[in-house]
Protein backbone atom coordinates (compact mmCIF):
# COMPACT_ATOMS: atom_id res chain seq x y z
CA MET A 1 -277.83 17.35 37.54
CA LYS A 2 -279.18 20.93 37.46
CA LYS A 3 -275.90 22.33 36.14
CA THR A 4 -275.61 19.55 33.48
CA ILE A 5 -279.05 20.48 32.10
CA ILE A 6 -278.11 24.11 31.95
CA VAL A 7 -274.91 23.34 30.05
CA LEU A 8 -276.73 21.13 27.55
CA THR A 9 -279.39 23.81 27.09
CA LEU A 10 -276.77 26.33 26.32
CA ALA A 11 -275.16 24.08 23.70
CA VAL A 12 -278.44 23.39 21.92
CA LEU A 13 -279.38 27.09 21.88
CA GLY A 14 -275.88 27.93 20.55
CA PHE A 15 -275.96 25.45 17.65
CA SER A 16 -279.49 26.37 16.68
CA ALA A 17 -278.47 30.08 16.62
CA SER A 18 -275.64 29.24 14.11
CA ALA A 19 -278.29 28.57 11.47
CA GLN A 20 -280.29 31.69 12.12
CA ASP A 21 -277.87 34.37 13.03
CA SER A 22 -274.76 34.13 10.81
CA LEU A 23 -274.10 37.85 11.21
CA VAL A 24 -274.01 37.53 15.04
CA VAL A 25 -276.45 40.45 15.57
CA ASN A 26 -279.75 40.45 17.42
CA LYS A 27 -283.08 41.30 15.83
CA ARG A 28 -282.37 45.01 16.18
CA GLY A 29 -279.03 44.63 14.35
CA ILE A 30 -276.94 45.21 17.45
CA PRO A 31 -273.67 43.24 17.55
CA VAL A 32 -273.81 40.37 20.04
CA LEU A 33 -270.07 39.55 20.45
CA PRO A 34 -267.44 41.72 22.09
CA LYS A 35 -264.85 43.33 19.83
CA ALA A 36 -261.26 44.43 20.13
CA GLY A 37 -260.89 47.13 22.76
CA ASP A 38 -263.89 45.91 24.77
CA ILE A 39 -263.55 45.39 28.58
CA GLY A 40 -265.33 42.59 30.36
CA ILE A 41 -266.42 42.32 33.96
CA GLY A 42 -267.23 38.90 35.51
CA LEU A 43 -269.53 37.64 38.19
CA ASP A 44 -269.82 34.13 39.62
CA GLY A 45 -273.32 32.82 38.61
CA GLY A 46 -273.46 30.01 41.15
CA PRO A 47 -275.44 32.09 43.79
CA PHE A 48 -278.04 33.13 41.23
CA PHE A 49 -278.58 29.57 39.88
CA ASP A 50 -278.70 28.15 43.41
CA TYR A 51 -281.32 30.80 44.36
CA VAL A 52 -283.51 30.07 41.36
CA GLY A 53 -283.20 26.31 41.89
CA ASN A 54 -284.23 26.61 45.56
CA MET A 55 -287.36 28.50 44.51
CA PHE A 56 -288.68 25.26 43.07
CA ASN A 57 -287.70 22.74 45.74
CA SER A 58 -289.64 24.03 48.72
CA ASN A 59 -286.54 25.55 50.43
CA THR A 60 -287.98 27.90 53.10
CA SER A 61 -284.65 29.48 53.93
CA ASN A 62 -283.67 30.51 50.37
CA SER A 63 -281.54 33.58 50.15
CA LEU A 64 -279.18 35.11 47.57
CA ASN A 65 -275.61 34.74 48.86
CA LEU A 66 -273.34 37.28 47.17
CA ASN A 67 -270.36 36.94 49.53
CA ASP A 68 -267.81 36.11 46.81
CA ASN A 69 -265.04 38.69 46.86
CA THR A 70 -263.35 37.77 43.58
CA LEU A 71 -263.14 40.29 40.77
CA TYR A 72 -262.92 39.16 37.11
CA PHE A 73 -261.72 41.41 34.25
CA ARG A 74 -260.64 40.96 30.71
CA TYR A 75 -259.62 43.09 27.78
CA PHE A 76 -260.00 42.07 24.19
CA LEU A 77 -256.83 42.52 22.22
CA LYS A 78 -258.52 41.17 19.11
CA ASP A 79 -262.05 40.11 18.34
CA ASP A 80 -261.04 36.53 19.23
CA ALA A 81 -258.42 37.03 21.91
CA ALA A 82 -258.19 38.68 25.34
CA VAL A 83 -255.96 39.08 28.36
CA ARG A 84 -257.73 38.50 31.67
CA VAL A 85 -257.22 39.19 35.34
CA ARG A 86 -258.68 37.50 38.34
CA LEU A 87 -258.21 39.35 41.69
CA ARG A 88 -259.23 38.12 45.10
CA ILE A 89 -258.81 40.24 48.18
CA ALA A 90 -259.81 38.72 51.50
CA SER A 91 -258.68 40.98 54.36
CA THR A 92 -260.68 40.61 57.60
CA SER A 93 -260.41 41.82 61.19
CA THR A 94 -262.58 39.98 63.66
CA ILE A 95 -262.96 41.26 67.23
CA THR A 96 -264.67 39.03 69.79
CA ASN A 97 -265.52 40.11 73.32
CA TYR A 98 -266.08 37.79 76.31
CA ASN A 99 -267.55 38.57 79.68
CA VAL A 100 -265.64 37.10 82.67
CA ILE A 101 -265.90 37.44 86.41
CA ASP A 102 -263.82 40.26 87.90
CA ASP A 103 -261.29 38.41 90.17
CA ALA A 104 -260.32 41.59 92.08
CA ALA A 105 -263.95 42.37 92.94
CA ARG A 106 -264.63 38.74 93.91
CA VAL A 107 -261.73 38.79 96.39
CA GLN A 108 -263.19 41.89 98.11
CA ASN A 109 -266.77 40.42 98.00
CA HIS A 110 -267.11 36.79 97.22
CA LEU A 111 -270.79 37.41 96.22
CA SER A 112 -269.83 40.06 93.64
CA ASN A 113 -271.08 39.57 90.12
CA LYS A 114 -269.00 42.33 88.65
CA GLU A 115 -267.46 41.37 85.31
CA VAL A 116 -264.62 42.45 83.13
CA GLU A 117 -264.00 41.86 79.45
CA ASP A 118 -261.59 39.61 77.53
CA ARG A 119 -261.03 40.28 73.86
CA THR A 120 -259.56 38.50 70.87
CA THR A 121 -258.58 40.15 67.63
CA VAL A 122 -257.90 38.01 64.50
CA LYS A 123 -256.59 39.65 61.36
CA ASN A 124 -256.28 37.65 58.12
CA ASN A 125 -254.88 39.11 54.92
CA ASN A 126 -255.08 37.00 51.77
CA TYR A 127 -254.47 38.14 48.21
CA ASN A 128 -254.62 36.17 44.99
CA LEU A 129 -253.85 37.51 41.45
CA TYR A 130 -254.06 35.53 38.24
CA VAL A 131 -253.15 36.94 34.86
CA GLY A 132 -253.79 34.97 31.72
CA TYR A 133 -254.33 34.97 27.96
CA GLN A 134 -257.57 33.66 26.39
CA GLN A 135 -258.17 32.58 22.80
CA PHE A 136 -261.71 32.19 21.34
CA ARG A 137 -263.17 30.24 18.44
CA GLY A 138 -266.60 29.12 17.41
CA TYR A 139 -269.73 30.21 15.58
CA ASN A 140 -272.19 32.93 16.29
CA ARG A 141 -273.43 33.09 19.92
CA LEU A 142 -271.67 29.93 21.18
CA ARG A 143 -267.87 30.26 21.44
CA GLY A 144 -265.28 27.90 22.91
CA PHE A 145 -262.06 29.17 24.36
CA TYR A 146 -258.76 28.00 25.73
CA GLY A 147 -255.71 29.68 27.31
CA ALA A 148 -253.20 29.74 30.17
CA ASP A 149 -252.51 31.90 33.21
CA LEU A 150 -250.06 32.63 35.94
CA GLY A 151 -251.15 32.97 39.52
CA PHE A 152 -249.63 34.53 42.68
CA GLY A 153 -250.82 34.20 46.35
CA TYR A 154 -249.92 36.00 49.54
CA GLY A 155 -251.25 35.40 53.03
CA LYS A 156 -250.63 36.56 56.59
CA ARG A 157 -252.42 36.05 59.96
CA ASN A 158 -252.22 37.69 63.34
CA TYR A 159 -254.08 36.73 66.57
CA LYS A 160 -254.03 38.89 69.70
CA ALA A 161 -255.68 38.25 73.06
CA GLU A 162 -256.37 40.88 75.73
CA TYR A 163 -257.45 39.90 79.26
CA GLY A 164 -259.66 41.86 81.73
CA ASN A 165 -258.04 40.16 84.73
CA LYS A 166 -254.36 40.96 84.92
CA MET A 167 -251.78 38.39 85.70
CA ASN A 168 -249.58 39.26 88.71
CA ASP A 169 -248.07 37.71 91.77
CA LEU A 170 -251.41 38.14 93.69
CA ASN A 171 -253.37 36.45 90.88
CA PRO A 172 -250.98 34.10 88.98
CA ALA A 173 -253.85 32.13 87.31
CA PRO A 174 -256.56 34.74 86.53
CA SER A 175 -259.97 33.80 85.29
CA THR A 176 -260.57 33.98 81.47
CA ALA A 177 -263.48 33.27 79.20
CA ILE A 178 -261.50 32.91 75.99
CA PRO A 179 -262.10 29.39 74.65
CA GLY A 180 -259.00 27.19 74.98
CA ALA A 181 -257.03 29.73 77.10
CA THR A 182 -255.07 28.36 80.07
CA ALA A 183 -255.38 30.49 83.16
CA GLY A 184 -251.74 30.18 84.39
CA ASP A 185 -249.97 30.13 81.00
CA ARG A 186 -251.93 32.13 78.53
CA ILE A 187 -251.52 33.22 74.91
CA VAL A 188 -250.86 36.91 74.26
CA GLU A 189 -250.26 36.84 70.52
CA GLN A 190 -249.88 34.53 67.55
CA VAL A 191 -247.94 36.07 64.59
CA SER A 192 -246.94 35.18 61.06
CA THR A 193 -243.51 36.89 60.92
CA THR A 194 -243.22 36.16 57.21
CA PRO A 195 -246.19 35.72 54.87
CA SER A 196 -247.06 32.57 53.09
CA LYS A 197 -246.64 32.67 49.28
CA ALA A 198 -247.79 30.63 46.33
CA ILE A 199 -247.31 30.55 42.55
CA SER A 200 -249.14 28.54 39.97
CA LEU A 201 -249.37 27.90 36.26
CA GLY A 202 -252.60 26.73 34.68
CA VAL A 203 -254.17 25.89 31.36
CA PHE A 204 -257.96 26.12 30.87
CA ALA A 205 -260.72 25.52 28.27
CA GLY A 206 -264.48 26.22 28.27
CA ALA A 207 -267.40 27.71 26.41
CA GLU A 208 -269.61 30.84 26.50
CA TYR A 209 -273.04 31.49 25.18
CA TYR A 210 -274.08 35.15 24.43
CA PHE A 211 -277.77 35.35 25.31
CA MET A 212 -277.80 39.14 24.95
CA PRO A 213 -275.56 41.67 23.24
CA LYS A 214 -272.21 41.47 24.90
CA ILE A 215 -273.57 39.51 27.93
CA CYS A 216 -272.73 35.83 28.26
CA VAL A 217 -272.89 32.92 30.56
CA GLY A 218 -270.02 30.45 30.56
CA LEU A 219 -268.11 27.67 32.29
CA GLU A 220 -264.55 26.37 32.20
CA LEU A 221 -262.25 23.58 33.50
CA GLY A 222 -258.48 23.37 33.72
CA LEU A 223 -255.27 21.86 34.85
CA SER A 224 -253.09 23.70 37.38
CA TYR A 225 -249.56 23.15 38.80
CA GLY A 226 -248.66 25.15 41.89
CA LYS A 227 -246.04 25.52 44.56
CA SER A 228 -246.38 27.27 47.94
CA TRP A 229 -244.07 28.45 50.74
CA ASP A 230 -245.25 28.69 54.33
CA GLY A 231 -244.35 31.68 56.46
CA GLN A 232 -242.76 31.50 59.84
CA GLU A 233 -245.20 31.52 62.86
CA TYR A 234 -244.66 31.91 66.49
CA THR A 235 -246.77 32.26 69.74
CA LYS A 236 -246.10 34.75 72.52
CA ARG A 237 -247.26 33.58 76.00
CA GLU A 238 -247.21 34.96 79.52
CA HIS A 239 -246.81 33.28 82.89
CA MET A 240 -245.65 34.11 86.36
CA VAL A 241 -242.03 33.25 87.48
CA GLY A 242 -242.05 33.96 91.14
CA SER A 243 -243.34 37.54 91.40
CA ILE A 244 -242.39 38.50 87.86
CA ASN A 245 -244.76 38.44 84.92
CA GLU A 246 -242.67 36.90 82.10
CA THR A 247 -243.44 36.56 78.40
CA TYR A 248 -241.72 34.03 76.15
CA ASP A 249 -242.01 32.89 72.55
CA THR A 250 -242.50 29.49 71.05
CA VAL A 251 -242.00 28.70 67.32
CA ASP A 252 -245.06 26.99 65.89
CA LYS A 253 -243.81 26.74 62.30
CA ALA A 254 -240.27 27.40 61.10
CA GLY A 255 -241.39 28.52 57.68
CA GLY A 256 -239.80 27.85 54.31
CA ASP A 257 -241.46 24.52 53.89
CA SER A 258 -243.07 24.16 50.45
CA TYR A 259 -245.29 21.74 48.70
CA ARG A 260 -246.27 21.16 45.07
CA SER A 261 -249.58 20.16 43.60
CA LEU A 262 -250.93 19.18 40.20
CA THR A 263 -254.69 19.23 40.08
CA THR A 264 -257.53 19.18 37.54
CA GLU A 265 -260.17 21.72 38.48
CA PHE A 266 -263.83 22.25 37.59
CA PRO A 267 -264.75 24.96 37.88
CA TYR A 268 -261.23 26.23 37.06
CA SER A 269 -261.47 29.97 37.73
CA TYR A 270 -264.71 31.82 37.36
CA GLY A 271 -267.03 29.74 39.54
CA ASN A 272 -269.53 26.99 38.58
CA LEU A 273 -271.13 29.15 36.00
CA TYR A 274 -270.27 32.82 35.43
CA PHE A 275 -271.65 35.90 33.75
CA MET A 276 -269.54 38.39 31.80
CA ILE A 277 -270.67 41.91 30.75
CA HIS A 278 -268.68 43.83 28.22
CA PHE A 279 -268.43 47.57 27.46
């Protein structure tokens, strides 16, 4: 409801401006709209609107969440046309440590509280790139637009487990604190040998309102058709065979499987509401 009111307000302000500001300049005579050669940088406005909205609904844990890691750029080829790029880079490495009883120390002294450390490392690499063309039309501060873009996606994951209690013939089922780990047959590594890939083609339409010179707020919706290919994944495990510590691999996903999707999306690309600043 809040977003609907904002959109309607933008529309009313835009149409009223058309009768007062036919030259599309502000009161100081500064041009309001971007021109050919200008570069735009975008920011998802959702966190800002949520923050302001929560200020008026007695939310005691209100905070400004700016964790979006998507970058928006566009370059105006003409006064009413631009090429645009959306880039998302989400590469993370998460290390978690777990304290677990030291089996060797407990054998020597069953009252021992000495501990060793288990560790897991999870690395995720995800990249998305969208390149498109955007055409504008409208009057004064309120402008509609439409266009199309082509998207590419790439993703890869690696999980590694390290154990403080070593597995050997004296301790074939060592203690571990890693959630879900099996003492006698434990995971050493999970790997995507080939990355997952995706490609998409989308068309979109929306509107922008320039409330300050070359600074606008906008929204958009679209239709997207995409196809993706999963990468091959396998798990390396270790267990004891007699007195020998043996590792073996199991295939979790053969890879190469693909699926197609046709979806309508709102918001399509730039978040629920977005800001664009031009230079």
